Amino acid sequence: MREMHDKLARDIETLKSRRQSIKAKVTVAKTQEKINELSSASEKVNGAMGAFERMEEKANAMLDEANAMSELNNFSVDEALKLEEKYAKENAPSVDDALAKLKEEMGL
């Protein structure tokens, strides 16, 4: 009878130990679920931040393009004529003169 009592007591202790182990596993599982949820939320936030960064880059590119067009539109015809006159006045041979010189050198 004593042996049966001792065996029952050991079995009860074993079951209590298993119950504690199961509780610990449930706690770990719930904690892991929370971590997964937070990680998923973090990925969503990162995705949203990436979308905002792409939108910002696109807006910056559009602004840069608009500023460049504005600068090009503000470049006056007078300035273009001044540059054309400046380079035309220099004593650079024309393309036709250079071609004629090359032909002469080659004997053509």
PDB file of N, CA and C in Angstrom:
ATOM      1  N   MET A   1       0.815  -1.175   0.000  1.00  0.00           N
ATOM      2  CA  MET A   1       0.000   0.000   0.000  1.00  0.00           C
ATOM      3  C   MET A   1       0.876   1.263   0.000  1.00  0.00           C
ATOM      4  N   ARG A   2       1.927   1.236   0.802  1.00  0.00           N
ATOM      5  CA  ARG A   2       2.844   2.372   0.877  1.00  0.00           C
ATOM      6  C   ARG A   2       3.496   2.602  -0.486  1.00  0.00           C
ATOM      7  N   GLU A   3       3.852   1.514  -1.149  1.00  0.00           N
ATOM      8  CA  GLU A   3       4.478   1.628  -2.462  1.00  0.00           C
ATOM      9  C   GLU A   3       3.529   2.261  -3.462  1.00  0.00           C
ATOM     10  N   MET A   4       2.261   1.903  -3.398  1.00  0.00           N
ATOM     11  CA  MET A   4       1.279   2.496  -4.302  1.00  0.00           C
ATOM     12  C   MET A   4       1.135   3.987  -4.015  1.00  0.00           C
ATOM     13  N   HIS A   5       1.168   4.349  -2.737  1.00  0.00           N
ATOM     14  CA  HIS A   5       1.072   5.763  -2.361  1.00  0.00           C
ATOM     15  C   HIS A   5       2.274   6.538  -2.880  1.00  0.00           C
ATOM     16  N   ASP A   6       3.449   5.977  -2.705  1.00  0.00           N
ATOM     17  CA  ASP A   6       4.672   6.632  -3.187  1.00  0.00           C
ATOM     18  C   ASP A   6       4.669   6.760  -4.708  1.00  0.00           C
ATOM     19  N   LYS A   7       4.202   5.705  -5.394  1.00  0.00           N
ATOM     20  CA  LYS A   7       4.144   5.758  -6.857  1.00  0.00           C
ATOM     21  C   LYS A   7       3.155   6.828  -7.298  1.00  0.00           C
ATOM     22  N   LEU A   8       2.006   6.885  -6.633  1.00  0.00           N
ATOM     23  CA  LEU A   8       1.011   7.911  -6.958  1.00  0.00           C
ATOM     24  C   LEU A   8       1.586   9.307  -6.721  1.00  0.00           C
ATOM     25  N   ALA A   9       2.292   9.477  -5.638  1.00  0.00           N
ATOM     26  CA  ALA A   9       2.896  10.776  -5.322  1.00  0.00           C
ATOM     27  C   ALA A   9       3.916  11.157  -6.400  1.00  0.00           C
ATOM     28  N   ARG A  10       4.736  10.199  -6.821  1.00  0.00           N
ATOM     29  CA  ARG A  10       5.709  10.469  -7.885  1.00  0.00           C
ATOM     30  C   ARG A  10       4.999  10.809  -9.197  1.00  0.00           C
ATOM     31  N   ASP A  11       3.948  10.062  -9.504  1.00  0.00           N
ATOM     32  CA  ASP A  11       3.189  10.337 -10.731  1.00  0.00           C
ATOM     33  C   ASP A  11       2.571  11.736 -10.685  1.00  0.00           C
ATOM     34  N   ILE A  12       2.055  12.103  -9.535  1.00  0.00           N
ATOM     35  CA  ILE A  12       1.468  13.448  -9.386  1.00  0.00           C
ATOM     36  C   ILE A  12       2.542  14.506  -9.587  1.00  0.00           C
ATOM     37  N   GLU A  13       3.701  14.306  -9.013  1.00  0.00           N
ATOM     38  CA  GLU A  13       4.806  15.257  -9.176  1.00  0.00           C
ATOM     39  C   GLU A  13       5.244  15.326 -10.642  1.00  0.00           C
ATOM     40  N   THR A  14       5.276  14.179 -11.296  1.00  0.00           N
ATOM     41  CA  THR A  14       5.632  14.143 -12.714  1.00  0.00           C
ATOM     42  C   THR A  14       4.612  14.918 -13.531  1.00  0.00           C
ATOM     43  N   LEU A  15       3.337  14.716 -13.232  1.00  0.00           N
ATOM     44  CA  LEU A  15       2.283  15.427 -13.957  1.00  0.00           C
ATOM     45  C   LEU A  15       2.346  16.931 -13.688  1.00  0.00           C
ATOM     46  N   LYS A  16       2.626  17.303 -12.438  1.00  0.00           N
ATOM     47  CA  LYS A  16       2.766  18.730 -12.120  1.00  0.00           C
ATOM     48  C   LYS A  16       3.928  19.343 -12.897  1.00  0.00           C
ATOM     49  N   SER A  17       5.000  18.592 -12.972  1.00  0.00           N
ATOM     50  CA  SER A  17       6.174  19.061 -13.709  1.00  0.00           C
ATOM     51  C   SER A  17       5.850  19.210 -15.196  1.00  0.00           C
ATOM     52  N   ARG A  18       5.141  18.238 -15.739  1.00  0.00           N
ATOM     53  CA  ARG A  18       4.745  18.311 -17.155  1.00  0.00           C
ATOM     54  C   ARG A  18       3.807  19.492 -17.386  1.00  0.00           C
ATOM     55  N   ARG A  19       2.880  19.717 -16.413  1.00  0.00           N
ATOM     56  CA  ARG A  19       1.954  20.843 -16.532  1.00  0.00           C
ATOM     57  C   ARG A  19       2.731  22.159 -16.567  1.00  0.00           C
ATOM     58  N   GLN A  20       3.724  22.302 -15.727  1.00  0.00           N
ATOM     59  CA  GLN A  20       4.558  23.504 -15.709  1.00  0.00           C
ATOM     60  C   GLN A  20       5.301  23.658 -17.030  1.00  0.00           C
ATOM     61  N   SER A  21       5.785  22.554 -17.555  1.00  0.00           N
ATOM     62  CA  SER A  21       6.496  22.575 -18.831  1.00  0.00           C
ATOM     63  C   SER A  21       5.560  23.008 -19.954  1.00  0.00           C
ATOM     64  N   ILE A  22       4.333  22.487 -19.929  1.00  0.00           N
ATOM     65  CA  ILE A  22       3.350  22.864 -20.955  1.00  0.00           C
ATOM     66  C   ILE A  22       3.010  24.344 -20.836  1.00  0.00           C
ATOM     67  N   LYS A  23       2.831  24.835 -19.609  1.00  0.00           N
ATOM     68  CA  LYS A  23       2.546  26.261 -19.403  1.00  0.00           C
ATOM     69  C   LYS A  23       3.684  27.122 -19.944  1.00  0.00           C
ATOM     70  N   ALA A  24       4.896  26.688 -19.695  1.00  0.00           N
ATOM     71  CA  ALA A  24       6.058  27.440 -20.182  1.00  0.00           C
ATOM     72  C   ALA A  24       6.079  27.459 -21.705  1.00  0.00           C
ATOM     73  N   LYS A  25       5.767  26.324 -22.330  1.00  0.00           N
ATOM     74  CA  LYS A  25       5.736  26.268 -23.791  1.00  0.00           C
ATOM     75  C   LYS A  25       4.660  27.193 -24.347  1.00  0.00           C
ATOM     76  N   VAL A  26       3.487  27.223 -23.695  1.00  0.00           N
ATOM     77  CA  VAL A  26       2.407  28.110 -24.136  1.00  0.00           C
ATOM     78  C   VAL A  26       2.852  29.564 -24.017  1.00  0.00           C
ATOM     79  N   THR A  27       3.513  29.898 -22.926  1.00  0.00           N
ATOM     80  CA  THR A  27       4.005  31.265 -22.733  1.00  0.00           C
ATOM     81  C   THR A  27       5.020  31.630 -23.810  1.00  0.00           C
ATOM     82  N   VAL A  28       5.920  30.724 -24.110  1.00  0.00           N
ATOM     83  CA  VAL A  28       6.915  30.963 -25.159  1.00  0.00           C
ATOM     84  C   VAL A  28       6.228  31.136 -26.508  1.00  0.00           C
ATOM     85  N   ALA A  29       5.228  30.304 -26.782  1.00  0.00           N
ATOM     86  CA  ALA A  29       4.512  30.395 -28.059  1.00  0.00           C
ATOM     87  C   ALA A  29       3.794  31.740 -28.185  1.00  0.00           C
ATOM     88  N   LYS A  30       3.130  32.173 -27.113  1.00  0.00           N
ATOM     89  CA  LYS A  30       2.436  33.465 -27.146  1.00  0.00           C
ATOM     90  C   LYS A  30       3.424  34.611 -27.334  1.00  0.00           C
ATOM     91  N   THR A  31       4.546  34.522 -26.662  1.00  0.00           N
ATOM     92  CA  THR A  31       5.570  35.558 -26.804  1.00  0.00           C
ATOM     93  C   THR A  31       6.100  35.591 -28.231  1.00  0.00           C
ATOM     94  N   GLN A  32       6.325  34.419 -28.805  1.00  0.00           N
ATOM     95  CA  GLN A  32       6.804  34.354 -30.188  1.00  0.00           C
ATOM     96  C   GLN A  32       5.772  34.937 -31.145  1.00  0.00           C
ATOM     97  N   GLU A  33       4.487  34.681 -30.900  1.00  0.00           N
ATOM     98  CA  GLU A  33       3.433  35.260 -31.730  1.00  0.00           C
ATOM     99  C   GLU A  33       3.462  36.783 -31.662  1.00  0.00           C
ATOM    100  N   LYS A  34       3.632  37.319 -30.454  1.00  0.00           N
ATOM    101  CA  LYS A  34       3.705  38.779 -30.298  1.00  0.00           C
ATOM    102  C   LYS A  34       4.915  39.342 -31.038  1.00  0.00           C
ATOM    103  N   ILE A  35       6.033  38.645 -30.932  1.00  0.00           N
ATOM    104  CA  ILE A  35       7.245  39.087 -31.637  1.00  0.00           C
ATOM    105  C   ILE A  35       7.003  39.069 -33.139  1.00  0.00           C
ATOM    106  N   ASN A  36       6.348  38.022 -33.619  1.00  0.00           N
ATOM    107  CA  ASN A  36       6.050  37.927 -35.052  1.00  0.00           C
ATOM    108  C   ASN A  36       5.131  39.057 -35.493  1.00  0.00           C
ATOM    109  N   GLU A  37       4.121  39.379 -34.674  1.00  0.00           N
ATOM    110  CA  GLU A  37       3.215  40.476 -35.002  1.00  0.00           C
ATOM    111  C   GLU A  37       3.969  41.800 -35.063  1.00  0.00           C
ATOM    112  N   LEU A  38       4.837  42.023 -34.081  1.00  0.00           N
ATOM    113  CA  LEU A  38       5.613  43.266 -34.061  1.00  0.00           C
ATOM    114  C   LEU A  38       6.562  43.331 -35.243  1.00  0.00           C
ATOM    115  N   SER A  39       7.153  42.196 -35.570  1.00  0.00           N
ATOM    116  CA  SER A  39       8.067  42.149 -36.706  1.00  0.00           C
ATOM    117  C   SER A  39       7.317  42.436 -37.997  1.00  0.00           C
ATOM    118  N   SER A  40       6.129  41.865 -38.118  1.00  0.00           N
ATOM    119  CA  SER A  40       5.307  42.101 -39.308  1.00  0.00           C
ATOM    120  C   SER A  40       4.915  43.570 -39.396  1.00  0.00           C
ATOM    121  N   ALA A  41       4.537  44.154 -38.265  1.00  0.00           N
ATOM    122  CA  ALA A  41       4.178  45.575 -38.249  1.00  0.00           C
ATOM    123  C   ALA A  41       5.379  46.429 -38.615  1.00  0.00           C
ATOM    124  N   SER A  42       6.545  46.028 -38.134  1.00  0.00           N
ATOM    125  CA  SER A  42       7.769  46.763 -38.452  1.00  0.00           C
ATOM    126  C   SER A  42       8.058  46.710 -39.943  1.00  0.00           C
ATOM    127  N   GLU A  43       7.849  45.554 -40.558  1.00  0.00           N
ATOM    128  CA  GLU A  43       8.072  45.424 -41.999  1.00  0.00           C
ATOM    129  C   GLU A  43       7.101  46.302 -42.775  1.00  0.00           C
ATOM    130  N   LYS A  44       5.854  46.395 -42.291  1.00  0.00           N
ATOM    131  CA  LYS A  44       4.869  47.251 -42.948  1.00  0.00           C
ATOM    132  C   LYS A  44       5.294  48.709 -42.851  1.00  0.00           C
ATOM    133  N   VAL A  45       5.796  49.097 -41.681  1.00  0.00           N
ATOM    134  CA  VAL A  45       6.262  50.475 -41.505  1.00  0.00           C
ATOM    135  C   VAL A  45       7.444  50.736 -42.430  1.00  0.00           C
ATOM    136  N   ASN A  46       8.370  49.786 -42.512  1.00  0.00           N
ATOM    137  CA  ASN A  46       9.522  49.949 -43.403  1.00  0.00           C
ATOM    138  C   ASN A  46       9.075  50.053 -44.853  1.00  0.00           C
ATOM    139  N   GLY A  47       8.076  49.269 -45.219  1.00  0.00           N
ATOM    140  CA  GLY A  47       7.543  49.341 -46.574  1.00  0.00           C
ATOM    141  C   GLY A  47       6.927  50.697 -46.851  1.00  0.00           C
ATOM    142  N   ALA A  48       6.190  51.217 -45.876  1.00  0.00           N
ATOM    143  CA  ALA A  48       5.583  52.539 -46.033  1.00  0.00           C
ATOM    144  C   ALA A  48       6.662  53.608 -46.109  1.00  0.00           C
ATOM    145  N   MET A  49       7.695  53.471 -45.290  1.00  0.00           N
ATOM    146  CA  MET A  49       8.786  54.451 -45.324  1.00  0.00           C
ATOM    147  C   MET A  49       9.483  54.404 -46.681  1.00  0.00           C
ATOM    148  N   GLY A  50       9.666  53.213 -47.210  1.00  0.00           N
ATOM    149  CA  GLY A  50      10.277  53.079 -48.533  1.00  0.00           C
ATOM    150  C   GLY A  50       9.428  53.746 -49.597  1.00  0.00           C
ATOM    151  N   ALA A  51       8.112  53.594 -49.480  1.00  0.00           N
ATOM    152  CA  ALA A  51       7.215  54.235 -50.448  1.00  0.00           C
ATOM    153  C   ALA A  51       7.332  55.750 -50.354  1.00  0.00           C
ATOM    154  N   PHE A  52       7.413  56.271 -49.136  1.00  0.00           N
ATOM    155  CA  PHE A  52       7.570  57.718 -48.969  1.00  0.00           C
ATOM    156  C   PHE A  52       8.899  58.190 -49.543  1.00  0.00           C
ATOM    157  N   GLU A  53       9.950  57.407 -49.335  1.00  0.00           N
ATOM    158  CA  GLU A  53      11.254  57.784 -49.884  1.00  0.00           C
ATOM    159  C   GLU A  53      11.220  57.805 -51.405  1.00  0.00           C
ATOM    160  N   ARG A  54      10.553  56.812 -52.003  1.00  0.00           N
ATOM    161  CA  ARG A  54      10.434  56.798 -53.467  1.00  0.00           C
ATOM    162  C   ARG A  54       9.628  57.998 -53.957  1.00  0.00           C
ATOM    163  N   MET A  55       8.558  58.336 -53.241  1.00  0.00           N
ATOM    164  CA  MET A  55       7.763  59.505 -53.637  1.00  0.00           C
ATOM    165  C   MET A  55       8.588  60.783 -53.521  1.00  0.00           C
ATOM    166  N   GLU A  56       9.376  60.870 -52.439  1.00  0.00           N
ATOM    167  CA  GLU A  56      10.208  62.053 -52.246  1.00  0.00           C
ATOM    168  C   GLU A  56      11.257  62.159 -53.351  1.00  0.00           C
ATOM    169  N   GLU A  57      11.885  61.044 -53.711  1.00  0.00           N
ATOM    170  CA  GLU A  57      12.878  61.052 -54.788  1.00  0.00           C
ATOM    171  C   GLU A  57      12.245  61.480 -56.107  1.00  0.00           C
ATOM    172  N   LYS A  58      11.045  60.985 -56.365  1.00  0.00           N
ATOM    173  CA  LYS A  58      10.350  61.350 -57.601  1.00  0.00           C
ATOM    174  C   LYS A  58      10.013  62.840 -57.599  1.00  0.00           C
ATOM    175  N   ALA A  59       9.546  63.348 -56.454  1.00  0.00           N
ATOM    176  CA  ALA A  59       9.230  64.774 -56.357  1.00  0.00           C
ATOM    177  C   ALA A  59      10.489  65.615 -56.544  1.00  0.00           C
ATOM    178  N   ASN A  60      11.604  65.181 -55.960  1.00  0.00           N
ATOM    179  CA  ASN A  60      12.869  65.914 -56.125  1.00  0.00           C
ATOM    180  C   ASN A  60      13.312  65.919 -57.582  1.00  0.00           C
ATOM    181  N   ALA A  61      13.154  64.786 -58.254  1.00  0.00           N
ATOM    182  CA  ALA A  61      13.532  64.713 -59.669  1.00  0.00           C
ATOM    183  C   ALA A  61      12.664  65.641 -60.505  1.00  0.00           C
ATOM    184  N   MET A  62      11.370  65.674 -60.194  1.00  0.00           N
ATOM    185  CA  MET A  62      10.467  66.562 -60.930  1.00  0.00           C
ATOM    186  C   MET A  62      10.838  68.023 -60.693  1.00  0.00           C
ATOM    187  N   LEU A  63      11.176  68.363 -59.447  1.00  0.00           N
ATOM    188  CA  LEU A  63      11.570  69.731 -59.123  1.00  0.00           C
ATOM    189  C   LEU A  63      12.869  70.098 -59.824  1.00  0.00           C
ATOM    190  N   ASP A  64      13.832  69.182 -59.825  1.00  0.00           N
ATOM    191  CA  ASP A  64      15.099  69.438 -60.515  1.00  0.00           C
ATOM    192  C   ASP A  64      14.874  69.670 -62.006  1.00  0.00           C
ATOM    193  N   GLU A  65      14.011  68.859 -62.594  1.00  0.00           N
ATOM    194  CA  GLU A  65      13.721  69.009 -64.020  1.00  0.00           C
ATOM    195  C   GLU A  65      13.049  70.354 -64.293  1.00  0.00           C
ATOM    196  N   ALA A  66      12.107  70.735 -63.428  1.00  0.00           N
ATOM    197  CA  ALA A  66      11.423  72.019 -63.608  1.00  0.00           C
ATOM    198  C   ALA A  66      12.403  73.177 -63.461  1.00  0.00           C
ATOM    199  N   ASN A  67      13.317  73.083 -62.493  1.00  0.00           N
ATOM    200  CA  ASN A  67      14.316  74.145 -62.311  1.00  0.00           C
ATOM    201  C   ASN A  67      15.248  74.235 -63.513  1.00  0.00           C
ATOM    202  N   ALA A  68      15.639  73.088 -64.053  1.00  0.00           N
ATOM    203  CA  ALA A  68      16.518  73.088 -65.226  1.00  0.00           C
ATOM    204  C   ALA A  68      15.813  73.718 -66.421  1.00  0.00           C
ATOM    205  N   MET A  69      14.549  73.379 -66.606  1.00  0.00           N
ATOM    206  CA  MET A  69      13.793  73.965 -67.715  1.00  0.00           C
ATOM    207  C   MET A  69      13.653  75.470 -67.529  1.00  0.00           C
ATOM    208  N   SER A  70      13.469  75.892 -66.289  1.00  0.00           N
ATOM    209  CA  SER A  70      13.354  77.323 -66.006  1.00  0.00           C
ATOM    210  C   SER A  70      14.647  78.040 -66.363  1.00  0.00           C
ATOM    211  N   GLU A  71      15.770  77.431 -66.001  1.00  0.00           N
ATOM    212  CA  GLU A  71      17.060  78.041 -66.335  1.00  0.00           C
ATOM    213  C   GLU A  71      17.266  78.098 -67.843  1.00  0.00           C
ATOM    214  N   LEU A  72      16.881  77.029 -68.520  1.00  0.00           N
ATOM    215  CA  LEU A  72      17.027  77.021 -69.978  1.00  0.00           C
ATOM    216  C   LEU A  72      16.121  78.058 -70.628  1.00  0.00           C
ATOM    217  N   ASN A  73      14.934  78.216 -70.100  1.00  0.00           N
ATOM    218  CA  ASN A  73      14.007  79.197 -70.660  1.00  0.00           C
ATOM    219  C   ASN A  73      14.461  80.625 -70.381  1.00  0.00           C
ATOM    220  N   ASN A  74      15.202  80.828 -69.306  1.00  0.00           N
ATOM    221  CA  ASN A  74      15.675  82.170 -68.962  1.00  0.00           C
ATOM    222  C   ASN A  74      16.940  82.554 -69.718  1.00  0.00           C
ATOM    223  N   PHE A  75      17.568  81.606 -70.388  1.00  0.00           N
ATOM    224  CA  PHE A  75      18.767  81.882 -71.168  1.00  0.00           C
ATOM    225  C   PHE A  75      18.331  82.699 -72.375  1.00  0.00           C
ATOM    226  N   SER A  76      18.714  83.943 -72.384  1.00  0.00           N
ATOM    227  CA  SER A  76      18.195  84.847 -73.419  1.00  0.00           C
ATOM    228  C   SER A  76      18.867  84.610 -74.764  1.00  0.00           C
ATOM    229  N   VAL A  77      18.172  85.039 -75.792  1.00  0.00           N
ATOM    230  CA  VAL A  77      18.686  84.924 -77.155  1.00  0.00           C
ATOM    231  C   VAL A  77      19.920  85.801 -77.310  1.00  0.00           C
ATOM    232  N   ASP A  78      19.933  86.938 -76.617  1.00  0.00           N
ATOM    233  CA  ASP A  78      21.088  87.834 -76.687  1.00  0.00           C
ATOM    234  C   ASP A  78      22.355  87.126 -76.212  1.00  0.00           C
ATOM    235  N   GLU A  79      22.238  86.361 -75.137  1.00  0.00           N
ATOM    236  CA  GLU A  79      23.406  85.646 -74.623  1.00  0.00           C
ATOM    237  C   GLU A  79      23.874  84.606 -75.637  1.00  0.00           C
ATOM    238  N   ALA A  80      22.940  83.941 -76.270  1.00  0.00           N
ATOM    239  CA  ALA A  80      23.302  82.951 -77.287  1.00  0.00           C
ATOM    240  C   ALA A  80      24.001  83.622 -78.456  1.00  0.00           C
ATOM    241  N   LEU A  81      23.493  84.770 -78.869  1.00  0.00           N
ATOM    242  CA  LEU A  81      24.125  85.495 -79.972  1.00  0.00           C
ATOM    243  C   LEU A  81      25.521  85.964 -79.589  1.00  0.00           C
ATOM    244  N   LYS A  82      25.672  86.423 -78.342  1.00  0.00           N
ATOM    245  CA  LYS A  82      26.991  86.864 -77.879  1.00  0.00           C
ATOM    246  C   LYS A  82      27.990  85.711 -77.939  1.00  0.00           C
ATOM    247  N   LEU A  83      27.560  84.536 -77.482  1.00  0.00           N
ATOM    248  CA  LEU A  83      28.455  83.380 -77.529  1.00  0.00           C
ATOM    249  C   LEU A  83      28.785  83.000 -78.967  1.00  0.00           C
ATOM    250  N   GLU A  84      27.792  83.051 -79.823  1.00  0.00           N
ATOM    251  CA  GLU A  84      28.016  82.712 -81.228  1.00  0.00           C
ATOM    252  C   GLU A  84      29.004  83.683 -81.862  1.00  0.00           C
ATOM    253  N   GLU A  85      28.838  84.962 -81.584  1.00  0.00           N
ATOM    254  CA  GLU A  85      29.751  85.966 -82.133  1.00  0.00           C
ATOM    255  C   GLU A  85      31.161  85.781 -81.583  1.00  0.00           C
ATOM    256  N   LYS A  86      31.248  85.473 -80.288  1.00  0.00           N
ATOM    257  CA  LYS A  86      32.554  85.294 -79.656  1.00  0.00           C
ATOM    258  C   LYS A  86      33.337  84.188 -80.356  1.00  0.00           C
ATOM    259  N   TYR A  87      32.698  83.062 -80.573  1.00  0.00           N
ATOM    260  CA  TYR A  87      33.401  81.940 -81.172  1.00  0.00           C
ATOM    261  C   TYR A  87      33.548  82.091 -82.682  1.00  0.00           C
ATOM    262  N   ALA A  88      32.702  82.868 -83.309  1.00  0.00           N
ATOM    263  CA  ALA A  88      32.823  83.106 -84.750  1.00  0.00           C
ATOM    264  C   ALA A  88      33.986  84.051 -85.036  1.00  0.00           C
ATOM    265  N   LYS A  89      34.261  84.963 -84.113  1.00  0.00           N
ATOM    266  CA  LYS A  89      35.331  85.946 -84.305  1.00  0.00           C
ATOM    267  C   LYS A  89      36.708  85.309 -84.220  1.00  0.00           C
ATOM    268  N   GLU A  90      36.802  84.225 -83.477  1.00  0.00           N
ATOM    269  CA  GLU A  90      38.110  83.585 -83.345  1.00  0.00           C
ATOM    270  C   GLU A  90      38.556  83.093 -84.714  1.00  0.00           C
ATOM    271  N   ASN A  91      39.834  83.049 -84.925  1.00  0.00           N
ATOM    272  CA  ASN A  91      40.395  82.682 -86.225  1.00  0.00           C
ATOM    273  C   ASN A  91      40.494  81.170 -86.391  1.00  0.00           C
ATOM    274  N   ALA A  92      39.427  80.499 -86.105  1.00  0.00           N
ATOM    275  CA  ALA A  92      39.412  79.049 -86.285  1.00  0.00           C
ATOM    276  C   ALA A  92      39.023  78.750 -87.721  1.00  0.00           C
ATOM    277  N   PRO A  93      39.735  77.828 -88.354  1.00  0.00           N
ATOM    278  CA  PRO A  93      39.393  77.504 -89.742  1.00  0.00           C
ATOM    279  C   PRO A  93      38.034  76.813 -89.788  1.00  0.00           C
ATOM    280  N   SER A  94      37.328  77.055 -90.863  1.00  0.00           N
ATOM    281  CA  SER A  94      36.026  76.413 -91.006  1.00  0.00           C
ATOM    282  C   SER A  94      36.237  74.939 -91.321  1.00  0.00           C
ATOM    283  N   VAL A  95      35.190  74.191 -91.227  1.00  0.00           N
ATOM    284  CA  VAL A  95      35.267  72.761 -91.495  1.00  0.00           C
ATOM    285  C   VAL A  95      35.634  72.526 -92.956  1.00  0.00           C
ATOM    286  N   ASP A  96      35.069  73.343 -93.838  1.00  0.00           N
ATOM    287  CA  ASP A  96      35.379  73.190 -95.265  1.00  0.00           C
ATOM    288  C   ASP A  96      36.858  73.456 -95.540  1.00  0.00           C
ATOM    289  N   ASP A  97      37.416  74.483 -94.874  1.00  0.00           N
ATOM    290  CA  ASP A  97      38.837  74.780 -95.048  1.00  0.00           C
ATOM    291  C   ASP A  97      39.698  73.624 -94.548  1.00  0.00           C
ATOM    292  N   ALA A  98      39.332  73.064 -93.396  1.00  0.00           N
ATOM    293  CA  ALA A  98      40.097  71.952 -92.836  1.00  0.00           C
ATOM    294  C   ALA A  98      40.020  70.739 -93.755  1.00  0.00           C
ATOM    295  N   LEU A  99      38.846  70.484 -94.327  1.00  0.00           N
ATOM    296  CA  LEU A  99      38.681  69.357 -95.238  1.00  0.00           C
ATOM    297  C   LEU A  99      39.507  69.552 -96.506  1.00  0.00           C
ATOM    298  N   ALA A 100      39.502  70.750 -97.024  1.00  0.00           N
ATOM    299  CA  ALA A 100      40.285  71.038 -98.229  1.00  0.00           C
ATOM    300  C   ALA A 100      41.771  70.851 -97.953  1.00  0.00           C
ATOM    301  N   LYS A 101      42.221  71.276 -96.782  1.00  0.00           N
ATOM    302  CA  LYS A 101      43.628  71.133 -96.417  1.00  0.00           C
ATOM    303  C   LYS A 101      44.008  69.654 -96.332  1.00  0.00           C
ATOM    304  N   LEU A 102      43.136  68.835 -95.710  1.00  0.00           N
ATOM    305  CA  LEU A 102      43.412  67.402 -95.604  1.00  0.00           C
ATOM    306  C   LEU A 102      43.472  66.746 -96.978  1.00  0.00           C
ATOM    307  N   LYS A 103      42.549  67.124 -97.847  1.00  0.00           N
ATOM    308  CA  LYS A 103      42.548  66.557 -99.198  1.00  0.00           C
ATOM    309  C   LYS A 103      43.827  66.922 -99.935  1.00  0.00           C
ATOM    310  N   GLU A 104      44.267  68.155 -99.742  1.00  0.00           N
ATOM    311  CA  GLU A 104      45.495  68.621-100.400  1.00  0.00           C
ATOM    312  C   GLU A 104      46.692  67.833 -99.896  1.00  0.00           C
ATOM    313  N   GLU A 105      46.740  67.595 -98.570  1.00  0.00           N
ATOM    314  CA  GLU A 105      47.843  66.842 -97.984  1.00  0.00           C
ATOM    315  C   GLU A 105      47.849  65.398 -98.477  1.00  0.00           C
ATOM    316  N   MET A 106      46.674  64.839 -98.705  1.00  0.00           N
ATOM    317  CA  MET A 106      46.575  63.450 -99.148  1.00  0.00           C
ATOM    318  C   MET A 106      46.727  63.329-100.664  1.00  0.00           C
ATOM    319  N   GLY A 107      46.696  64.462-101.332  1.00  0.00           N
ATOM    320  CA  GLY A 107      46.864  64.451-102.773  1.00  0.00           C
ATOM    321  C   GLY A 107      45.591  64.083-103.509  1.00  0.00           C
ATOM    322  N   LEU A 108      44.491  64.371-102.946  1.00  0.00           N
ATOM    323  CA  LEU A 108      43.210  64.063-103.608  1.00  0.00           C
ATOM    324  C   LEU A 108      42.668  65.237-104.351  1.00  0.00           C
TER     325      LEU A 108
END
